[in-house]
Structures are given as C-alpha cells and as structure tokens.
C-alpha cells in the first residue's frame, strides 16, 4: 500500500500594509494563491502588478507596497507676474504649492494662488493663476474734472499698481501737476 500525504501550504493572511489594503474579499492563502493590493487614494504600487504570491515555504513573496504619489516638478501652469517656487518640486499627495508674486514685495497680490499635488503626481488646475497689482482704490472725480487711469495690472486695471492717472479739467485751470501713480503700497 502506498500512502500519499498531502500537505497544504498556507501562508495565512498577507502582511499589514500602510496606505493600502488587500482585495476586499480577502485572498486565498494557500500555495500559489495571489493577493491583490489596493492602494489608498494618492498612492501607487511599488511594483508593477501590486500582487504577492503564496510561496512553497509558507511565506508571501515580497515587493508589493504602496508609495505616496509625488509631484516631481513645479506646477506646469503659467503665472502672470509671478512664479512657482522650486521648493514645490517633490511635494507629495495632498501637499500644496503657493505661487510667489514678482517684486516689489507687496505690490502684487495673488489670485488662485495654490495648487495641490494630486493623484498620480498631477497638480490641481485652478487657472488662471495670477498676481495682480495692489488695488489703490477708486478716485473721485473733482468738480469740473475727470481722472483717466491706465497701465495697472489686474481687474479693474485702472486703479491697480502700477497705474498712472491723469486729471483733465473741463473748465478753468489745473492746480498741480495733474498726474498721480498707484504705488506698490496701494496708495
């Protein structure tokens, strides 16, 4: 008589993974069974397939982990009168990058100034990204005169840095030089 003894190799549950979990129904855990890794949002497989296999020695093959997505470069979106700092390269999922407006300091204020590193290492797109001139406020026309402004950056451009405003009188003479500039301070 011949006796055949069958030993079932069982790898037990796959190892605990941070930033992910194994397929929802739980994998079979016997020899040659595979387990599929599901990475959390903002993470990806560290190996090409995201799977591990139960080996003959009763252990799971190594190599399947989840790694956080990385935005390798600064956001690719153009910025009017500003730029993205180089320190934004290498940010990871969920981290933000804030644009920097050009000098002089305080003369320009950002709009839509933040981009967030997202799934797959792609930056969020909140275009248009912009730095507009500081608002100097509306000018009140004097009696018998009108202010005309031009050259400001942003909307309404007429009263934003570095606008220049000229006074035109409708009657009588002009007292003063008749021109003012919107300064970097917003005055």
Protein backbone atom coordinates (compact mmCIF):
# COMPACT_ATOMS: atom_id res chain seq x y z
CA UNK A 1 0.00 0.00 0.00
CA UNK A 2 1.04 3.40 -0.80
CA UNK A 3 0.16 6.30 1.43
CA UNK A 4 0.07 9.75 -0.03
CA UNK A 5 0.30 12.57 2.40
CA UNK A 6 -0.85 15.90 1.12
CA UNK A 7 0.40 18.94 2.98
CA UNK A 8 -1.38 22.14 2.18
CA UNK A 9 0.96 25.09 2.37
CA UNK A 10 -0.84 28.04 3.93
CA UNK A 11 0.72 31.50 4.06
CA UNK A 12 -2.02 32.85 6.37
CA UNK A 13 -3.13 36.46 5.97
CA UNK A 14 -0.97 38.80 3.88
CA UNK A 15 1.17 41.30 5.80
CA UNK A 16 -0.34 44.56 7.02
CA UNK A 17 0.24 47.38 4.55
CA UNK A 18 0.25 51.07 5.39
CA UNK A 19 -1.56 53.25 2.83
CA UNK A 20 -3.43 50.30 1.32
CA UNK A 21 -5.33 47.05 1.85
CA UNK A 22 -5.65 43.63 0.22
CA UNK A 23 -8.54 42.84 -2.14
CA UNK A 24 -11.89 43.34 -0.39
CA UNK A 25 -12.94 39.67 -0.06
CA UNK A 26 -9.58 38.59 1.33
CA UNK A 27 -7.31 36.43 -0.78
CA UNK A 28 -6.99 32.66 -0.66
CA UNK A 29 -3.87 31.96 1.40
CA UNK A 30 -2.62 28.63 0.04
CA UNK A 31 0.38 27.83 -2.17
CA UNK A 32 0.40 29.82 -5.46
CA UNK A 33 -2.55 31.97 -4.41
CA UNK A 34 -2.12 35.65 -5.14
CA UNK A 35 -3.25 38.69 -3.21
CA UNK A 36 -4.01 41.98 -4.96
CA UNK A 37 -3.10 45.20 -3.21
CA UNK A 38 -5.47 48.17 -3.30
CA UNK A 39 -3.57 51.37 -2.59
CA UNK A 40 -5.28 54.28 -0.87
CA UNK A 41 -6.08 57.39 -2.93
CA UNK A 42 -2.89 59.31 -3.68
CA UNK A 43 -0.71 56.19 -3.56
CA UNK A 44 0.53 53.67 -6.14
CA UNK A 45 2.04 50.16 -6.24
CA UNK A 46 5.75 49.90 -5.57
CA UNK A 47 5.95 47.03 -8.07
CA UNK A 48 4.35 46.71 -11.48
CA UNK A 49 1.49 44.39 -10.59
CA UNK A 50 0.57 45.13 -6.99
CA UNK A 51 0.38 41.43 -6.24
CA UNK A 52 2.13 38.96 -3.96
CA UNK A 53 2.15 35.15 -4.21
CA UNK A 54 2.00 32.46 -1.54
CA UNK A 55 5.28 30.56 -1.85
CA UNK A 56 6.09 26.89 -1.15
CA UNK A 57 7.87 27.84 2.08
CA UNK A 58 4.64 29.26 3.53
CA UNK A 59 5.53 32.93 3.19
CA UNK A 60 4.27 35.63 0.87
CA UNK A 61 6.57 36.96 -1.83
CA UNK A 62 7.84 40.44 -1.11
CA UNK A 63 7.67 43.66 -3.04
CA UNK A 64 4.08 44.86 -3.03
CA UNK A 65 3.73 48.05 -1.02
CA UNK A 66 2.02 51.37 -1.59
CA UNK A 67 4.04 54.52 -2.11
CA UNK A 68 2.72 58.07 -1.95
CA UNK A 69 2.30 59.88 -5.29
CA UNK A 70 4.86 62.64 -5.86
CA UNK A 71 4.65 65.78 -8.00
CA UNK A 72 8.18 65.75 -9.39
CA UNK A 73 8.17 69.26 -10.85
CA UNK A 74 6.62 72.64 -10.07
CA UNK A 75 3.05 73.16 -11.33
CA UNK A 76 3.08 73.48 -15.14
CA UNK A 77 0.69 76.41 -15.21
CA UNK A 78 1.88 79.84 -16.28
CA UNK A 79 1.60 82.68 -13.79
CA UNK A 80 1.09 86.29 -14.79
CA UNK A 81 3.61 88.45 -12.86
CA UNK A 82 4.75 85.59 -10.64
CA UNK A 83 6.24 82.10 -10.50
CA UNK A 84 6.11 78.76 -8.70
CA UNK A 85 8.97 78.27 -6.21
CA UNK A 86 11.40 75.43 -6.95
CA UNK A 87 10.66 74.01 -3.49
CA UNK A 88 7.33 72.76 -4.86
CA UNK A 89 9.11 70.02 -6.84
CA UNK A 90 8.97 66.81 -4.83
CA UNK A 91 5.78 67.64 -2.93
CA UNK A 92 3.60 64.59 -2.24
CA UNK A 93 -0.11 63.84 -2.50
CA UNK A 94 -2.20 66.42 -0.63
CA UNK A 95 0.62 68.93 -0.17
CA UNK A 96 0.25 72.39 -1.67
CA UNK A 97 2.38 74.83 -3.62
CA UNK A 98 1.76 78.58 -3.34
CA UNK A 99 2.84 80.92 -6.12
CA UNK A 100 5.16 83.85 -5.43
CA UNK A 101 4.36 87.24 -6.94
CA UNK A 102 7.12 89.33 -8.51
CA UNK A 103 8.84 92.27 -6.81
CA UNK A 104 8.43 94.83 -5.44
CA UNK A 105 7.25 92.99 -2.34
CA UNK A 106 3.57 93.60 -1.65
CA UNK A 107 2.92 95.37 -4.94
CA UNK A 108 1.26 92.29 -6.41
CA UNK A 109 -1.31 90.08 -4.71
CA UNK A 110 -2.11 86.52 -5.84
CA UNK A 111 -5.42 85.17 -7.08
CA UNK A 112 -5.94 81.40 -7.31
CA UNK A 113 -2.53 81.13 -5.69
CA UNK A 114 -2.49 77.49 -4.53
CA UNK A 115 -2.15 74.23 -6.47
CA UNK A 116 -2.42 70.85 -4.70
CA UNK A 117 -0.39 67.72 -5.54
CA UNK A 118 -2.99 65.16 -6.59
CA UNK A 119 -3.46 61.56 -7.68
CA UNK A 120 -0.73 60.28 -9.97
CA UNK A 121 1.52 63.26 -9.17
CA UNK A 122 -0.59 65.77 -11.10
CA UNK A 123 -1.04 69.33 -9.81
CA UNK A 124 -4.60 70.66 -9.44
CA UNK A 125 -5.52 73.19 -12.10
CA UNK A 126 -7.21 76.33 -10.75
CA UNK A 127 -6.24 78.52 -13.70
CA UNK A 128 -5.89 81.31 -14.26
CA UNK A 129 -3.09 81.73 -11.75
CA UNK A 130 -2.35 85.39 -11.48
CA UNK A 131 -0.66 88.12 -9.49
CA UNK A 132 -2.50 91.40 -9.86
CA UNK A 133 -1.35 94.85 -8.85
CA UNK A 134 -2.38 96.07 -5.41
CA UNK A 135 -5.68 97.98 -5.55
CA UNK A 136 -5.25 101.71 -4.90
CA UNK A 137 -8.98 102.29 -4.72
CA UNK A 138 -11.34 104.36 -6.80
CA UNK A 139 -10.63 108.02 -7.46
CA UNK A 140 -13.37 110.57 -7.00
CA UNK A 141 -13.62 113.00 -9.87
CA UNK A 142 -13.31 116.60 -8.71
CA UNK A 143 -15.89 119.21 -9.68
CA UNK A 144 -15.16 120.21 -13.30
CA UNK A 145 -12.66 117.39 -13.84
CA UNK A 146 -12.18 113.71 -14.69
CA UNK A 147 -9.48 111.17 -13.74
CA UNK A 148 -8.28 108.86 -16.53
CA UNK A 149 -6.10 105.92 -15.49
CA UNK A 150 -4.12 103.32 -17.42
CA UNK A 151 -1.29 100.83 -17.06
CA UNK A 152 -2.47 98.89 -14.00
CA UNK A 153 -2.18 95.10 -13.68
CA UNK A 154 -5.35 93.17 -12.84
CA UNK A 155 -9.04 93.95 -12.98
CA UNK A 156 -10.13 96.69 -12.85
CA UNK A 157 -6.70 97.69 -14.17
CA UNK A 158 -7.41 101.41 -13.97
CA UNK A 159 -6.79 101.55 -10.23
CA UNK A 160 -4.17 98.84 -9.67
CA UNK A 161 -0.39 99.12 -9.32
CA UNK A 162 1.43 100.50 -11.40
CA UNK A 163 -1.38 102.60 -12.92
CA UNK A 164 -0.88 106.26 -13.74
CA UNK A 165 -3.87 108.58 -13.54
CA UNK A 166 -4.16 111.97 -15.23
CA UNK A 167 -6.62 114.72 -14.38
CA UNK A 168 -8.42 116.52 -17.17
CA UNK A 169 -10.21 119.73 -16.25
CA UNK A 170 -13.41 120.66 -18.07
CA UNK A 171 -13.22 124.33 -17.15
CA UNK A 172 -10.64 126.58 -15.62
CA UNK A 173 -7.01 125.86 -14.95
CA UNK A 174 -5.21 122.95 -13.39
CA UNK A 175 -3.80 123.41 -9.88
CA UNK A 176 -0.87 120.98 -9.51
CA UNK A 177 0.82 118.57 -11.93
CA UNK A 178 -2.40 116.69 -12.80
CA UNK A 179 -0.93 113.17 -12.59
CA UNK A 180 -0.68 110.56 -9.83
CA UNK A 181 0.62 106.98 -9.70
CA UNK A 182 -0.72 103.96 -7.89
CA UNK A 183 2.23 102.90 -5.72
CA UNK A 184 3.34 99.41 -4.68
CA UNK A 185 1.88 100.04 -1.21
CA UNK A 186 -1.60 100.50 -2.70
CA UNK A 187 -1.73 104.24 -2.10
